[in-house]
């Protein structure tokens, strides 16, 4: 029996996935079925690009539904309040500054399922998060990135 991957996430992250799953099942799935029905009415399916496109979208939607269901089933809710204060852990926001004179950046460290760099949420699997985990304000940390090592100092942890 295969071991299921655990998906660490915040309560909010799980709720967001549940909403996406509901949208996919109740709205997107029906829209795709309707697109397939309309494309079939055009006749010959062998040269019907609308049908091919709708079938590809259906495969994507069904795949995403399966993925989200698996993530929700194997979710491990992070309780950042239970973690030690002032220490970088999953669910905490960390502010750091690149040395010697970089600007401060703040990111929340979340599980890979809810990572979104545009919302300043980085995966606990990312090089930055792995380097910062377990550290405290004032700690200087070397972060190995694809572009080379960078030195940062942790300013605060919330």
C-alpha atoms as a PDB file:
ATOM      1  CA  UNK A   1       0.000   0.000   0.000  1.00  0.00           C
ATOM      2  CA  UNK A   2       1.431   3.371  -1.013  1.00  0.00           C
ATOM      3  CA  UNK A   3       1.996   6.030   1.601  1.00  0.00           C
ATOM      4  CA  UNK A   4      -0.152   9.092   0.907  1.00  0.00           C
ATOM      5  CA  UNK A   5       1.623  12.443   0.832  1.00  0.00           C
ATOM      6  CA  UNK A   6       0.580  14.769   3.646  1.00  0.00           C
ATOM      7  CA  UNK A   7      -0.304  18.319   2.615  1.00  0.00           C
ATOM      8  CA  UNK A   8       0.402  20.815   5.398  1.00  0.00           C
ATOM      9  CA  UNK A   9      -1.876  23.839   5.099  1.00  0.00           C
ATOM     10  CA  UNK A  10      -3.599  26.507   7.105  1.00  0.00           C
ATOM     11  CA  UNK A  11      -7.288  26.308   7.904  1.00  0.00           C
ATOM     12  CA  UNK A  12      -7.843  29.155   5.439  1.00  0.00           C
ATOM     13  CA  UNK A  13      -5.921  27.290   2.753  1.00  0.00           C
ATOM     14  CA  UNK A  14      -8.073  24.204   3.193  1.00  0.00           C
ATOM     15  CA  UNK A  15     -11.239  26.301   3.025  1.00  0.00           C
ATOM     16  CA  UNK A  16      -9.990  27.915  -0.200  1.00  0.00           C
ATOM     17  CA  UNK A  17      -9.415  24.465  -1.734  1.00  0.00           C
ATOM     18  CA  UNK A  18     -12.875  23.320  -0.619  1.00  0.00           C
ATOM     19  CA  UNK A  19     -14.430  26.354  -2.350  1.00  0.00           C
ATOM     20  CA  UNK A  20     -12.458  25.678  -5.533  1.00  0.00           C
ATOM     21  CA  UNK A  21     -13.549  22.034  -5.452  1.00  0.00           C
ATOM     22  CA  UNK A  22     -17.191  23.039  -5.054  1.00  0.00           C
ATOM     23  CA  UNK A  23     -16.899  25.479  -7.991  1.00  0.00           C
ATOM     24  CA  UNK A  24     -15.284  22.834 -10.195  1.00  0.00           C
ATOM     25  CA  UNK A  25     -17.924  20.223  -9.374  1.00  0.00           C
ATOM     26  CA  UNK A  26     -21.010  22.415  -9.548  1.00  0.00           C
ATOM     27  CA  UNK A  27     -20.167  25.004 -12.218  1.00  0.00           C
ATOM     28  CA  UNK A  28     -17.111  24.157 -14.314  1.00  0.00           C
ATOM     29  CA  UNK A  29     -18.004  20.493 -14.818  1.00  0.00           C
ATOM     30  CA  UNK A  30     -21.481  21.450 -16.130  1.00  0.00           C
ATOM     31  CA  UNK A  31     -20.042  24.157 -18.393  1.00  0.00           C
ATOM     32  CA  UNK A  32     -17.616  21.688 -19.963  1.00  0.00           C
ATOM     33  CA  UNK A  33     -20.316  19.061 -20.504  1.00  0.00           C
ATOM     34  CA  UNK A  34     -22.428  21.706 -22.242  1.00  0.00           C
ATOM     35  CA  UNK A  35     -19.472  22.721 -24.451  1.00  0.00           C
ATOM     36  CA  UNK A  36     -18.971  19.073 -25.449  1.00  0.00           C
ATOM     37  CA  UNK A  37     -22.672  18.713 -26.247  1.00  0.00           C
ATOM     38  CA  UNK A  38     -22.617  21.818 -28.468  1.00  0.00           C
ATOM     39  CA  UNK A  39     -19.391  20.728 -30.193  1.00  0.00           C
ATOM     40  CA  UNK A  40     -20.870  17.293 -30.940  1.00  0.00           C
ATOM     41  CA  UNK A  41     -23.768  18.954 -32.716  1.00  0.00           C
ATOM     42  CA  UNK A  42     -21.301  20.380 -35.283  1.00  0.00           C
ATOM     43  CA  UNK A  43     -20.910  16.927 -36.812  1.00  0.00           C
ATOM     44  CA  UNK A  44     -17.690  15.102 -37.711  1.00  0.00           C
ATOM     45  CA  UNK A  45     -15.690  14.798 -34.483  1.00  0.00           C
ATOM     46  CA  UNK A  46     -12.425  13.895 -36.243  1.00  0.00           C
ATOM     47  CA  UNK A  47     -11.964  17.472 -37.488  1.00  0.00           C
ATOM     48  CA  UNK A  48     -13.805  19.302 -34.747  1.00  0.00           C
ATOM     49  CA  UNK A  49     -11.422  21.583 -32.849  1.00  0.00           C
ATOM     50  CA  UNK A  50     -14.179  22.798 -30.518  1.00  0.00           C
ATOM     51  CA  UNK A  51     -14.821  19.212 -29.442  1.00  0.00           C
ATOM     52  CA  UNK A  52     -11.096  18.536 -28.930  1.00  0.00           C
ATOM     53  CA  UNK A  53     -10.725  21.708 -26.901  1.00  0.00           C
ATOM     54  CA  UNK A  54     -13.743  20.896 -24.726  1.00  0.00           C
ATOM     55  CA  UNK A  55     -12.478  17.341 -24.120  1.00  0.00           C
ATOM     56  CA  UNK A  56      -9.049  18.715 -23.095  1.00  0.00           C
ATOM     57  CA  UNK A  57     -10.712  21.132 -20.683  1.00  0.00           C
ATOM     58  CA  UNK A  58     -12.810  18.292 -19.290  1.00  0.00           C
ATOM     59  CA  UNK A  59      -9.643  16.251 -18.654  1.00  0.00           C
ATOM     60  CA  UNK A  60      -8.056  19.244 -16.901  1.00  0.00           C
ATOM     61  CA  UNK A  61     -11.121  19.874 -14.711  1.00  0.00           C
ATOM     62  CA  UNK A  62     -11.442  16.209 -13.743  1.00  0.00           C
ATOM     63  CA  UNK A  63      -7.714  16.032 -12.999  1.00  0.00           C
ATOM     64  CA  UNK A  64      -7.881  19.146 -10.841  1.00  0.00           C
ATOM     65  CA  UNK A  65     -10.902  17.735  -8.951  1.00  0.00           C
ATOM     66  CA  UNK A  66      -8.967  14.535  -8.224  1.00  0.00           C
ATOM     67  CA  UNK A  67      -5.905  16.498  -7.098  1.00  0.00           C
ATOM     68  CA  UNK A  68      -7.884  18.769  -4.770  1.00  0.00           C
ATOM     69  CA  UNK A  69      -9.826  15.862  -3.284  1.00  0.00           C
ATOM     70  CA  UNK A  70      -6.531  14.128  -2.531  1.00  0.00           C
ATOM     71  CA  UNK A  71      -5.058  17.277  -0.979  1.00  0.00           C
ATOM     72  CA  UNK A  72      -8.114  17.818   1.228  1.00  0.00           C
ATOM     73  CA  UNK A  73      -8.234  14.147   2.249  1.00  0.00           C
ATOM     74  CA  UNK A  74      -4.552  14.262   3.260  1.00  0.00           C
ATOM     75  CA  UNK A  75      -4.526  17.780   4.688  1.00  0.00           C
ATOM     76  CA  UNK A  76      -2.640  18.438   7.895  1.00  0.00           C
ATOM     77  CA  UNK A  77      -3.892  21.677   9.397  1.00  0.00           C
ATOM     78  CA  UNK A  78      -1.126  23.927  10.677  1.00  0.00           C
ATOM     79  CA  UNK A  79      -1.721  25.588  14.030  1.00  0.00           C
ATOM     80  CA  UNK A  80       0.791  28.434  13.966  1.00  0.00           C
ATOM     81  CA  UNK A  81      -0.530  29.674  17.332  1.00  0.00           C
ATOM     82  CA  UNK A  82       0.647  26.454  18.979  1.00  0.00           C
ATOM     83  CA  UNK A  83       4.185  26.925  17.629  1.00  0.00           C
ATOM     84  CA  UNK A  84       6.875  28.542  19.698  1.00  0.00           C
ATOM     85  CA  UNK A  85       6.670  32.351  19.627  1.00  0.00           C
ATOM     86  CA  UNK A  86       9.379  34.137  17.700  1.00  0.00           C
ATOM     87  CA  UNK A  87      10.495  31.064  15.762  1.00  0.00           C
ATOM     88  CA  UNK A  88       9.997  30.648  12.016  1.00  0.00           C
ATOM     89  CA  UNK A  89       7.585  27.749  11.485  1.00  0.00           C
ATOM     90  CA  UNK A  90       4.869  26.732   9.065  1.00  0.00           C
ATOM     91  CA  UNK A  91       1.987  29.216   9.149  1.00  0.00           C
ATOM     92  CA  UNK A  92       4.078  32.114  10.451  1.00  0.00           C
ATOM     93  CA  UNK A  93       4.934  35.312   8.629  1.00  0.00           C
ATOM     94  CA  UNK A  94       8.613  36.176   8.563  1.00  0.00           C
ATOM     95  CA  UNK A  95      10.175  39.507   7.698  1.00  0.00           C
ATOM     96  CA  UNK A  96      13.790  39.428   6.561  1.00  0.00           C
ATOM     97  CA  UNK A  97      16.279  41.757   4.955  1.00  0.00           C
ATOM     98  CA  UNK A  98      18.908  40.789   2.410  1.00  0.00           C
ATOM     99  CA  UNK A  99      22.386  41.762   3.545  1.00  0.00           C
ATOM    100  CA  UNK A 100      24.152  44.080   3.313  1.00  0.00           C
ATOM    101  CA  UNK A 101      21.555  46.672   2.328  1.00  0.00           C
ATOM    102  CA  UNK A 102      18.463  45.017   0.897  1.00  0.00           C
ATOM    103  CA  UNK A 103      14.884  46.022   1.546  1.00  0.00           C
ATOM    104  CA  UNK A 104      12.684  44.161   4.005  1.00  0.00           C
ATOM    105  CA  UNK A 105      10.458  41.434   2.577  1.00  0.00           C
ATOM    106  CA  UNK A 106       7.644  39.624   4.398  1.00  0.00           C
ATOM    107  CA  UNK A 107       6.351  36.171   3.479  1.00  0.00           C
ATOM    108  CA  UNK A 108       4.033  33.688   5.121  1.00  0.00           C
ATOM    109  CA  UNK A 109       5.367  30.144   5.082  1.00  0.00           C
ATOM    110  CA  UNK A 110       2.645  27.714   4.033  1.00  0.00           C
ATOM    111  CA  UNK A 111       2.369  24.189   2.670  1.00  0.00           C
ATOM    112  CA  UNK A 112       2.982  23.661  -1.037  1.00  0.00           C
ATOM    113  CA  UNK A 113      -0.760  23.278  -1.648  1.00  0.00           C
ATOM    114  CA  UNK A 114      -1.464  26.926  -0.875  1.00  0.00           C
ATOM    115  CA  UNK A 115       1.781  28.625  -1.923  1.00  0.00           C
ATOM    116  CA  UNK A 116       1.216  31.779  -3.954  1.00  0.00           C
ATOM    117  CA  UNK A 117       4.191  34.134  -4.352  1.00  0.00           C
ATOM    118  CA  UNK A 118       1.896  36.891  -5.646  1.00  0.00           C
ATOM    119  CA  UNK A 119       0.157  36.845  -2.248  1.00  0.00           C
ATOM    120  CA  UNK A 120       3.530  36.585  -0.459  1.00  0.00           C
ATOM    121  CA  UNK A 121       2.890  32.978   0.561  1.00  0.00           C
ATOM    122  CA  UNK A 122       5.866  30.707  -0.030  1.00  0.00           C
ATOM    123  CA  UNK A 123       6.029  26.928   0.170  1.00  0.00           C
ATOM    124  CA  UNK A 124       7.777  25.294   3.079  1.00  0.00           C
ATOM    125  CA  UNK A 125       9.626  23.327   0.366  1.00  0.00           C
ATOM    126  CA  UNK A 126      11.148  26.479  -1.164  1.00  0.00           C
ATOM    127  CA  UNK A 127      14.857  27.190  -0.614  1.00  0.00           C
ATOM    128  CA  UNK A 128      14.094  30.378   1.322  1.00  0.00           C
ATOM    129  CA  UNK A 129      11.582  28.760   3.672  1.00  0.00           C
ATOM    130  CA  UNK A 130      13.774  25.698   4.293  1.00  0.00           C
ATOM    131  CA  UNK A 131      16.670  27.986   5.235  1.00  0.00           C
ATOM    132  CA  UNK A 132      14.554  30.141   7.566  1.00  0.00           C
ATOM    133  CA  UNK A 133      12.671  27.365   9.408  1.00  0.00           C
ATOM    134  CA  UNK A 134      13.558  27.189  13.106  1.00  0.00           C
ATOM    135  CA  UNK A 135      15.369  30.535  13.098  1.00  0.00           C
ATOM    136  CA  UNK A 136      14.625  33.611  15.252  1.00  0.00           C
ATOM    137  CA  UNK A 137      14.722  37.395  14.790  1.00  0.00           C
ATOM    138  CA  UNK A 138      18.311  38.595  14.604  1.00  0.00           C
ATOM    139  CA  UNK A 139      19.604  35.341  13.095  1.00  0.00           C
ATOM    140  CA  UNK A 140      21.705  35.709   9.952  1.00  0.00           C
ATOM    141  CA  UNK A 141      20.942  32.970   7.463  1.00  0.00           C
ATOM    142  CA  UNK A 142      22.522  31.852   4.192  1.00  0.00           C
ATOM    143  CA  UNK A 143      19.844  30.992   1.650  1.00  0.00           C
ATOM    144  CA  UNK A 144      20.905  28.810  -1.281  1.00  0.00           C
ATOM    145  CA  UNK A 145      18.921  29.922  -4.337  1.00  0.00           C
ATOM    146  CA  UNK A 146      19.223  28.951  -8.010  1.00  0.00           C
ATOM    147  CA  UNK A 147      20.811  32.367  -8.591  1.00  0.00           C
ATOM    148  CA  UNK A 148      23.431  31.828  -5.891  1.00  0.00           C
ATOM    149  CA  UNK A 149      23.660  32.162  -2.131  1.00  0.00           C
ATOM    150  CA  UNK A 150      22.163  35.186  -0.431  1.00  0.00           C
ATOM    151  CA  UNK A 151      22.653  36.351   3.137  1.00  0.00           C
ATOM    152  CA  UNK A 152      19.602  37.551   5.054  1.00  0.00           C
ATOM    153  CA  UNK A 153      18.865  38.632   8.594  1.00  0.00           C
ATOM    154  CA  UNK A 154      15.501  37.842  10.153  1.00  0.00           C
ATOM    155  CA  UNK A 155      13.806  41.037  11.318  1.00  0.00           C
ATOM    156  CA  UNK A 156      10.595  39.641  12.848  1.00  0.00           C
ATOM    157  CA  UNK A 157       8.323  36.598  13.060  1.00  0.00           C
ATOM    158  CA  UNK A 158       4.538  36.908  13.507  1.00  0.00           C
END
